[in-house]
């Protein structure tokens, strides 16, 4: 068959309607359209993932700002541009993006991860998220590392928080049973404060070792930073330049 006749037959095949009124589509054309739809779907999915990650980071940083700045004084006027108002706005946008992302997953062949209250790899307990690091840093670098992740070194104001974290630290710690927490008396010796500048409400210092003892083996500055000891279920004061794993904390994002 000559080339012209072959082209003519192919054209007639494409133009001939089917009994249902639809024109048949050649196999290679259908595959091309399928690939095109898949690429568009993946691009949309990737864009939404980036937006969700960006907004989650903003949420975490605004939460930290609110904690550090403190609550407004009673009777003070409400500023729509305040960190609290901005947090609520970003929160609503995050929830809407989660809904859009989930809806997109229904039309894609790829598996879509469900939105969650905490970042991936963080432990969700109550209204808080906790991260147990695998690497070791000194206390100041640990504090900064948690801040870079959108959180802070953990603050243990309740008995439940302490018990939950010491159990998890013991479960995953292995031979490493010291974890940095957000407690120090760097500013004033003996005045132990959390990283948000709040004072101790419940104390879990190791009584057998008379902690905190500011032992001078800690060097010129003594022992000004606290660790959670998952074996003894207590706290120890240690030199801040020692290196340990750390526990970071941030508020969970409510998805309703």
C-alpha atoms as a PDB file:
ATOM      1  CA  UNK A   1       0.000   0.000   0.000  1.00  0.00           C
ATOM      2  CA  UNK A   2       1.342   3.403  -0.898  1.00  0.00           C
ATOM      3  CA  UNK A   3       2.006   6.087   1.697  1.00  0.00           C
ATOM      4  CA  UNK A   4      -0.819   8.339   0.475  1.00  0.00           C
ATOM      5  CA  UNK A   5      -3.354   5.500   0.608  1.00  0.00           C
ATOM      6  CA  UNK A   6      -2.237   4.586   4.126  1.00  0.00           C
ATOM      7  CA  UNK A   7      -2.716   8.189   5.347  1.00  0.00           C
ATOM      8  CA  UNK A   8      -6.136   8.388   3.714  1.00  0.00           C
ATOM      9  CA  UNK A   9      -7.305   5.154   5.361  1.00  0.00           C
ATOM     10  CA  UNK A  10      -6.058   6.314   8.743  1.00  0.00           C
ATOM     11  CA  UNK A  11      -7.844   9.654   8.353  1.00  0.00           C
ATOM     12  CA  UNK A  12     -11.090   7.922   7.432  1.00  0.00           C
ATOM     13  CA  UNK A  13     -10.794   5.672  10.487  1.00  0.00           C
ATOM     14  CA  UNK A  14     -10.381   8.660  12.803  1.00  0.00           C
ATOM     15  CA  UNK A  15     -13.305  10.551  11.260  1.00  0.00           C
ATOM     16  CA  UNK A  16     -15.771   7.634  11.237  1.00  0.00           C
ATOM     17  CA  UNK A  17     -18.236   7.991  14.133  1.00  0.00           C
ATOM     18  CA  UNK A  18     -19.078   5.075  16.385  1.00  0.00           C
ATOM     19  CA  UNK A  19     -22.660   3.892  16.950  1.00  0.00           C
ATOM     20  CA  UNK A  20     -22.805   5.988  20.124  1.00  0.00           C
ATOM     21  CA  UNK A  21     -21.863   9.117  18.229  1.00  0.00           C
ATOM     22  CA  UNK A  22     -18.315   9.283  19.589  1.00  0.00           C
ATOM     23  CA  UNK A  23     -15.264   9.043  17.385  1.00  0.00           C
ATOM     24  CA  UNK A  24     -12.745   6.318  18.272  1.00  0.00           C
ATOM     25  CA  UNK A  25      -9.383   7.462  19.603  1.00  0.00           C
ATOM     26  CA  UNK A  26      -6.254   5.637  18.575  1.00  0.00           C
ATOM     27  CA  UNK A  27      -4.460   3.759  21.323  1.00  0.00           C
ATOM     28  CA  UNK A  28      -1.301   5.864  21.204  1.00  0.00           C
ATOM     29  CA  UNK A  29      -3.389   9.068  21.360  1.00  0.00           C
ATOM     30  CA  UNK A  30      -5.246   7.814  24.455  1.00  0.00           C
ATOM     31  CA  UNK A  31      -1.965   6.942  26.150  1.00  0.00           C
ATOM     32  CA  UNK A  32      -0.599  10.396  25.396  1.00  0.00           C
ATOM     33  CA  UNK A  33      -3.666  12.075  26.853  1.00  0.00           C
ATOM     34  CA  UNK A  34      -3.459   9.832  29.937  1.00  0.00           C
ATOM     35  CA  UNK A  35       0.151  10.773  30.498  1.00  0.00           C
ATOM     36  CA  UNK A  36      -0.717  14.443  30.092  1.00  0.00           C
ATOM     37  CA  UNK A  37      -3.487  14.196  32.696  1.00  0.00           C
ATOM     38  CA  UNK A  38      -1.151  12.347  35.055  1.00  0.00           C
ATOM     39  CA  UNK A  39       1.554  15.002  34.711  1.00  0.00           C
ATOM     40  CA  UNK A  40      -0.968  17.798  35.330  1.00  0.00           C
ATOM     41  CA  UNK A  41      -2.292  15.932  38.374  1.00  0.00           C
ATOM     42  CA  UNK A  42       1.186  15.429  39.819  1.00  0.00           C
ATOM     43  CA  UNK A  43       2.070  19.071  39.225  1.00  0.00           C
ATOM     44  CA  UNK A  44      -1.058  20.203  41.072  1.00  0.00           C
ATOM     45  CA  UNK A  45      -0.336  17.750  43.865  1.00  0.00           C
ATOM     46  CA  UNK A  46       3.266  18.966  44.212  1.00  0.00           C
ATOM     47  CA  UNK A  47       2.164  22.605  44.289  1.00  0.00           C
ATOM     48  CA  UNK A  48      -0.350  21.896  47.043  1.00  0.00           C
ATOM     49  CA  UNK A  49       2.246  19.980  49.067  1.00  0.00           C
ATOM     50  CA  UNK A  50       4.604  22.952  48.876  1.00  0.00           C
ATOM     51  CA  UNK A  51       1.857  25.346  49.925  1.00  0.00           C
ATOM     52  CA  UNK A  52       0.810  23.147  52.845  1.00  0.00           C
ATOM     53  CA  UNK A  53       4.390  22.837  54.057  1.00  0.00           C
ATOM     54  CA  UNK A  54       4.897  26.588  53.736  1.00  0.00           C
ATOM     55  CA  UNK A  55       1.725  27.447  55.632  1.00  0.00           C
ATOM     56  CA  UNK A  56       2.470  24.857  58.342  1.00  0.00           C
ATOM     57  CA  UNK A  57       5.883  26.466  58.855  1.00  0.00           C
ATOM     58  CA  UNK A  58       4.262  29.907  59.114  1.00  0.00           C
ATOM     59  CA  UNK A  59       1.732  28.573  61.647  1.00  0.00           C
ATOM     60  CA  UNK A  60       4.462  27.106  63.839  1.00  0.00           C
ATOM     61  CA  UNK A  61       6.551  30.269  63.763  1.00  0.00           C
ATOM     62  CA  UNK A  62       3.587  32.488  64.601  1.00  0.00           C
ATOM     63  CA  UNK A  63       2.690  30.187  67.517  1.00  0.00           C
ATOM     64  CA  UNK A  64       6.221  30.526  68.846  1.00  0.00           C
ATOM     65  CA  UNK A  65       6.026  34.309  68.462  1.00  0.00           C
ATOM     66  CA  UNK A  66       2.755  34.404  70.404  1.00  0.00           C
ATOM     67  CA  UNK A  67       4.310  32.342  73.197  1.00  0.00           C
ATOM     68  CA  UNK A  68       7.358  34.576  73.447  1.00  0.00           C
ATOM     69  CA  UNK A  69       5.503  37.879  73.200  1.00  0.00           C
ATOM     70  CA  UNK A  70       2.803  36.873  75.661  1.00  0.00           C
ATOM     71  CA  UNK A  71      -0.917  37.461  75.820  1.00  0.00           C
ATOM     72  CA  UNK A  72      -2.421  40.960  75.488  1.00  0.00           C
ATOM     73  CA  UNK A  73      -3.297  42.843  78.663  1.00  0.00           C
ATOM     74  CA  UNK A  74      -6.952  42.800  79.801  1.00  0.00           C
ATOM     75  CA  UNK A  75      -8.899  45.675  78.266  1.00  0.00           C
ATOM     76  CA  UNK A  76      -6.443  46.169  75.430  1.00  0.00           C
ATOM     77  CA  UNK A  77      -7.949  46.731  71.991  1.00  0.00           C
ATOM     78  CA  UNK A  78      -7.832  43.828  69.555  1.00  0.00           C
ATOM     79  CA  UNK A  79      -5.482  44.435  66.643  1.00  0.00           C
ATOM     80  CA  UNK A  80      -6.480  42.570  63.490  1.00  0.00           C
ATOM     81  CA  UNK A  81      -2.813  42.451  62.512  1.00  0.00           C
ATOM     82  CA  UNK A  82      -1.726  40.861  65.810  1.00  0.00           C
ATOM     83  CA  UNK A  83       0.104  37.501  65.751  1.00  0.00           C
ATOM     84  CA  UNK A  84      -2.991  35.786  67.160  1.00  0.00           C
ATOM     85  CA  UNK A  85      -5.244  37.089  64.385  1.00  0.00           C
ATOM     86  CA  UNK A  86      -2.693  36.204  61.730  1.00  0.00           C
ATOM     87  CA  UNK A  87      -2.407  32.701  63.193  1.00  0.00           C
ATOM     88  CA  UNK A  88      -6.176  32.178  62.952  1.00  0.00           C
ATOM     89  CA  UNK A  89      -6.156  33.334  59.334  1.00  0.00           C
ATOM     90  CA  UNK A  90      -3.292  31.039  58.348  1.00  0.00           C
ATOM     91  CA  UNK A  91      -4.921  28.193  60.278  1.00  0.00           C
ATOM     92  CA  UNK A  92      -8.127  28.535  58.246  1.00  0.00           C
ATOM     93  CA  UNK A  93      -6.165  28.630  54.995  1.00  0.00           C
ATOM     94  CA  UNK A  94      -4.230  25.518  56.029  1.00  0.00           C
ATOM     95  CA  UNK A  95      -7.449  23.595  56.713  1.00  0.00           C
ATOM     96  CA  UNK A  96      -8.864  24.647  53.328  1.00  0.00           C
ATOM     97  CA  UNK A  97      -5.688  23.529  51.573  1.00  0.00           C
ATOM     98  CA  UNK A  98      -5.918  20.172  53.326  1.00  0.00           C
ATOM     99  CA  UNK A  99      -9.459  19.756  52.021  1.00  0.00           C
ATOM    100  CA  UNK A 100      -8.417  20.748  48.496  1.00  0.00           C
ATOM    101  CA  UNK A 101      -5.438  18.409  48.612  1.00  0.00           C
ATOM    102  CA  UNK A 102      -7.586  15.478  49.777  1.00  0.00           C
ATOM    103  CA  UNK A 103     -10.138  16.175  47.031  1.00  0.00           C
ATOM    104  CA  UNK A 104      -7.349  16.229  44.450  1.00  0.00           C
ATOM    105  CA  UNK A 105      -6.191  12.821  45.645  1.00  0.00           C
ATOM    106  CA  UNK A 106      -9.540  11.306  44.700  1.00  0.00           C
ATOM    107  CA  UNK A 107      -8.844  12.005  41.023  1.00  0.00           C
ATOM    108  CA  UNK A 108      -5.183  10.952  41.054  1.00  0.00           C
ATOM    109  CA  UNK A 109      -3.719   7.486  40.862  1.00  0.00           C
ATOM    110  CA  UNK A 110      -0.952   8.421  43.334  1.00  0.00           C
ATOM    111  CA  UNK A 111      -1.392   7.816  47.072  1.00  0.00           C
ATOM    112  CA  UNK A 112      -2.214  11.013  48.962  1.00  0.00           C
ATOM    113  CA  UNK A 113      -0.999  11.401  52.541  1.00  0.00           C
ATOM    114  CA  UNK A 114      -3.621  12.569  54.993  1.00  0.00           C
ATOM    115  CA  UNK A 115      -3.122  15.942  56.659  1.00  0.00           C
ATOM    116  CA  UNK A 116      -2.259  15.581  60.344  1.00  0.00           C
ATOM    117  CA  UNK A 117      -2.078  17.746  63.428  1.00  0.00           C
ATOM    118  CA  UNK A 118       1.705  17.328  63.687  1.00  0.00           C
ATOM    119  CA  UNK A 119       4.569  17.288  61.160  1.00  0.00           C
ATOM    120  CA  UNK A 120       5.708  13.874  59.970  1.00  0.00           C
ATOM    121  CA  UNK A 121       7.983  12.218  62.528  1.00  0.00           C
ATOM    122  CA  UNK A 122       6.545  14.144  65.498  1.00  0.00           C
ATOM    123  CA  UNK A 123       4.641  12.528  68.371  1.00  0.00           C
ATOM    124  CA  UNK A 124       1.095  13.851  68.847  1.00  0.00           C
ATOM    125  CA  UNK A 125       0.043  14.038  72.505  1.00  0.00           C
ATOM    126  CA  UNK A 126      -3.040  16.051  73.460  1.00  0.00           C
ATOM    127  CA  UNK A 127      -2.732  19.468  71.839  1.00  0.00           C
ATOM    128  CA  UNK A 128       1.058  19.260  71.482  1.00  0.00           C
ATOM    129  CA  UNK A 129       3.601  17.764  69.074  1.00  0.00           C
ATOM    130  CA  UNK A 130       6.983  16.402  70.235  1.00  0.00           C
ATOM    131  CA  UNK A 131      10.110  15.588  68.271  1.00  0.00           C
ATOM    132  CA  UNK A 132      12.860  13.313  69.612  1.00  0.00           C
ATOM    133  CA  UNK A 133      16.085  13.987  67.729  1.00  0.00           C
ATOM    134  CA  UNK A 134      18.488  11.289  66.586  1.00  0.00           C
ATOM    135  CA  UNK A 135      21.519  13.593  66.499  1.00  0.00           C
ATOM    136  CA  UNK A 136      23.278  15.280  69.432  1.00  0.00           C
ATOM    137  CA  UNK A 137      24.028  18.958  70.041  1.00  0.00           C
ATOM    138  CA  UNK A 138      24.852  21.182  72.995  1.00  0.00           C
ATOM    139  CA  UNK A 139      21.986  22.976  74.756  1.00  0.00           C
ATOM    140  CA  UNK A 140      22.197  26.309  72.925  1.00  0.00           C
ATOM    141  CA  UNK A 141      22.426  24.665  69.500  1.00  0.00           C
ATOM    142  CA  UNK A 142      19.571  22.336  70.481  1.00  0.00           C
ATOM    143  CA  UNK A 143      17.447  25.337  71.407  1.00  0.00           C
ATOM    144  CA  UNK A 144      18.203  26.978  68.059  1.00  0.00           C
ATOM    145  CA  UNK A 145      17.574  23.747  66.137  1.00  0.00           C
ATOM    146  CA  UNK A 146      14.095  23.396  67.646  1.00  0.00           C
ATOM    147  CA  UNK A 147      13.359  27.037  66.777  1.00  0.00           C
ATOM    148  CA  UNK A 148      14.422  26.449  63.165  1.00  0.00           C
ATOM    149  CA  UNK A 149      11.885  23.616  63.003  1.00  0.00           C
ATOM    150  CA  UNK A 150       9.153  25.998  64.142  1.00  0.00           C
ATOM    151  CA  UNK A 151       9.075  24.862  67.771  1.00  0.00           C
ATOM    152  CA  UNK A 152      11.110  25.101  70.969  1.00  0.00           C
ATOM    153  CA  UNK A 153      12.865  22.842  73.444  1.00  0.00           C
ATOM    154  CA  UNK A 154      10.157  21.052  75.376  1.00  0.00           C
ATOM    155  CA  UNK A 155       8.434  22.694  78.336  1.00  0.00           C
ATOM    156  CA  UNK A 156       7.026  20.334  80.977  1.00  0.00           C
ATOM    157  CA  UNK A 157       4.397  22.139  83.010  1.00  0.00           C
ATOM    158  CA  UNK A 158       2.289  19.085  83.904  1.00  0.00           C
ATOM    159  CA  UNK A 159       2.808  15.655  85.431  1.00  0.00           C
ATOM    160  CA  UNK A 160       1.210  14.067  82.354  1.00  0.00           C
ATOM    161  CA  UNK A 161       3.688  15.742  79.999  1.00  0.00           C
ATOM    162  CA  UNK A 162       6.670  14.582  82.046  1.00  0.00           C
ATOM    163  CA  UNK A 163       5.469  10.982  82.306  1.00  0.00           C
ATOM    164  CA  UNK A 164       4.566  10.738  78.619  1.00  0.00           C
ATOM    165  CA  UNK A 165       7.917  12.068  77.432  1.00  0.00           C
ATOM    166  CA  UNK A 166      10.080  10.033  79.796  1.00  0.00           C
ATOM    167  CA  UNK A 167       8.306   6.862  78.637  1.00  0.00           C
ATOM    168  CA  UNK A 168       8.827   7.725  74.976  1.00  0.00           C
ATOM    169  CA  UNK A 169      12.458   8.714  75.618  1.00  0.00           C
ATOM    170  CA  UNK A 170      13.053   5.397  77.349  1.00  0.00           C
ATOM    171  CA  UNK A 171      11.397   3.499  74.495  1.00  0.00           C
ATOM    172  CA  UNK A 172      13.444   5.060  71.695  1.00  0.00           C
ATOM    173  CA  UNK A 173      16.569   6.214  73.492  1.00  0.00           C
ATOM    174  CA  UNK A 174      18.508   2.960  73.692  1.00  0.00           C
ATOM    175  CA  UNK A 175      21.881   3.659  75.273  1.00  0.00           C
ATOM    176  CA  UNK A 176      21.200   7.402  75.067  1.00  0.00           C
ATOM    177  CA  UNK A 177      18.948   8.208  77.975  1.00  0.00           C
ATOM    178  CA  UNK A 178      19.708  11.918  78.445  1.00  0.00           C
ATOM    179  CA  UNK A 179      17.590  14.361  76.429  1.00  0.00           C
ATOM    180  CA  UNK A 180      17.808  18.144  76.553  1.00  0.00           C
ATOM    181  CA  UNK A 181      14.680  19.937  77.757  1.00  0.00           C
ATOM    182  CA  UNK A 182      14.011  23.679  77.625  1.00  0.00           C
ATOM    183  CA  UNK A 183      15.074  24.442  81.190  1.00  0.00           C
ATOM    184  CA  UNK A 184      18.132  26.412  82.371  1.00  0.00           C
ATOM    185  CA  UNK A 185      19.449  28.916  84.926  1.00  0.00           C
ATOM    186  CA  UNK A 186      21.835  30.558  82.479  1.00  0.00           C
ATOM    187  CA  UNK A 187      20.580  34.081  83.239  1.00  0.00           C
ATOM    188  CA  UNK A 188      20.701  33.837  87.037  1.00  0.00           C
ATOM    189  CA  UNK A 189      22.187  30.981  89.053  1.00  0.00           C
ATOM    190  CA  UNK A 190      19.471  29.046  90.874  1.00  0.00           C
ATOM    191  CA  UNK A 191      16.615  30.740  88.987  1.00  0.00           C
ATOM    192  CA  UNK A 192      15.503  27.891  86.735  1.00  0.00           C
ATOM    193  CA  UNK A 193      13.278  28.981  83.876  1.00  0.00           C
ATOM    194  CA  UNK A 194      11.811  27.450  80.757  1.00  0.00           C
ATOM    195  CA  UNK A 195      12.665  28.792  77.309  1.00  0.00           C
ATOM    196  CA  UNK A 196       9.417  30.835  77.316  1.00  0.00           C
ATOM    197  CA  UNK A 197      10.646  32.473  80.574  1.00  0.00           C
ATOM    198  CA  UNK A 198       8.037  30.736  82.767  1.00  0.00           C
ATOM    199  CA  UNK A 199       9.076  29.352  86.158  1.00  0.00           C
ATOM    200  CA  UNK A 200       8.875  25.762  87.389  1.00  0.00           C
ATOM    201  CA  UNK A 201       5.470  24.437  88.433  1.00  0.00           C
ATOM    202  CA  UNK A 202       6.431  20.788  88.937  1.00  0.00           C
ATOM    203  CA  UNK A 203       9.967  19.684  89.714  1.00  0.00           C
ATOM    204  CA  UNK A 204      11.483  16.307  88.897  1.00  0.00           C
ATOM    205  CA  UNK A 205      15.083  16.817  90.011  1.00  0.00           C
ATOM    206  CA  UNK A 206      16.924  13.657  90.969  1.00  0.00           C
ATOM    207  CA  UNK A 207      16.793  13.575  94.769  1.00  0.00           C
ATOM    208  CA  UNK A 208      19.415  10.838  95.164  1.00  0.00           C
ATOM    209  CA  UNK A 209      21.998  13.078  93.552  1.00  0.00           C
ATOM    210  CA  UNK A 210      20.733  16.248  95.284  1.00  0.00           C
ATOM    211  CA  UNK A 211      19.998  17.827  91.910  1.00  0.00           C
ATOM    212  CA  UNK A 212      20.392  20.551  90.851  1.00  0.00           C
ATOM    213  CA  UNK A 213      23.831  20.698  92.494  1.00  0.00           C
ATOM    214  CA  UNK A 214      25.715  22.939  90.019  1.00  0.00           C
ATOM    215  CA  UNK A 215      28.690  20.634  90.394  1.00  0.00           C
ATOM    216  CA  UNK A 216      31.938  22.455  89.720  1.00  0.00           C
ATOM    217  CA  UNK A 217      33.168  19.610  87.530  1.00  0.00           C
ATOM    218  CA  UNK A 218      31.051  21.385  84.971  1.00  0.00           C
ATOM    219  CA  UNK A 219      33.788  23.953  84.547  1.00  0.00           C
ATOM    220  CA  UNK A 220      33.813  27.708  84.984  1.00  0.00           C
ATOM    221  CA  UNK A 221      30.070  28.100  84.424  1.00  0.00           C
ATOM    222  CA  UNK A 222      28.995  25.055  86.412  1.00  0.00           C
ATOM    223  CA  UNK A 223      25.866  23.155  85.371  1.00  0.00           C
ATOM    224  CA  UNK A 224      23.250  25.511  83.999  1.00  0.00           C
ATOM    225  CA  UNK A 225      21.134  23.350  81.675  1.00  0.00           C
ATOM    226  CA  UNK A 226      18.718  20.511  82.370  1.00  0.00           C
ATOM    227  CA  UNK A 227      18.274  17.059  80.852  1.00  0.00           C
ATOM    228  CA  UNK A 228      15.527  14.499  81.184  1.00  0.00           C
ATOM    229  CA  UNK A 229      17.011  11.180  82.332  1.00  0.00           C
ATOM    230  CA  UNK A 230      14.674   8.495  81.005  1.00  0.00           C
ATOM    231  CA  UNK A 231      16.240   5.769  83.182  1.00  0.00           C
ATOM    232  CA  UNK A 232      15.759   7.476  86.531  1.00  0.00           C
ATOM    233  CA  UNK A 233      12.669   9.390  85.284  1.00  0.00           C
ATOM    234  CA  UNK A 234      14.165  12.571  86.720  1.00  0.00           C
ATOM    235  CA  UNK A 235      16.067  15.705  85.734  1.00  0.00           C
ATOM    236  CA  UNK A 236      19.770  16.475  86.048  1.00  0.00           C
ATOM    237  CA  UNK A 237      21.593  19.775  85.731  1.00  0.00           C
ATOM    238  CA  UNK A 238      24.634  19.410  83.476  1.00  0.00           C
ATOM    239  CA  UNK A 239      27.087  21.704  81.666  1.00  0.00           C
ATOM    240  CA  UNK A 240      25.394  23.383  78.718  1.00  0.00           C
ATOM    241  CA  UNK A 241      28.241  22.500  76.361  1.00  0.00           C
ATOM    242  CA  UNK A 242      27.676  18.748  76.729  1.00  0.00           C
ATOM    243  CA  UNK A 243      26.063  17.094  73.723  1.00  0.00           C
ATOM    244  CA  UNK A 244      22.828  15.131  73.996  1.00  0.00           C
ATOM    245  CA  UNK A 245      19.752  14.363  71.979  1.00  0.00           C
ATOM    246  CA  UNK A 246      16.875  16.811  72.391  1.00  0.00           C
ATOM    247  CA  UNK A 247      13.099  16.978  72.650  1.00  0.00           C
ATOM    248  CA  UNK A 248      11.412  19.724  70.620  1.00  0.00           C
ATOM    249  CA  UNK A 249       7.812  20.829  71.030  1.00  0.00           C
ATOM    250  CA  UNK A 250       5.176  22.792  69.107  1.00  0.00           C
ATOM    251  CA  UNK A 251       1.407  23.288  69.250  1.00  0.00           C
ATOM    252  CA  UNK A 252      -0.635  20.794  67.245  1.00  0.00           C
ATOM    253  CA  UNK A 253      -2.773  22.260  64.441  1.00  0.00           C
ATOM    254  CA  UNK A 254      -6.459  21.521  64.983  1.00  0.00           C
ATOM    255  CA  UNK A 255      -8.036  20.277  61.754  1.00  0.00           C
ATOM    256  CA  UNK A 256     -11.663  20.988  62.590  1.00  0.00           C
END
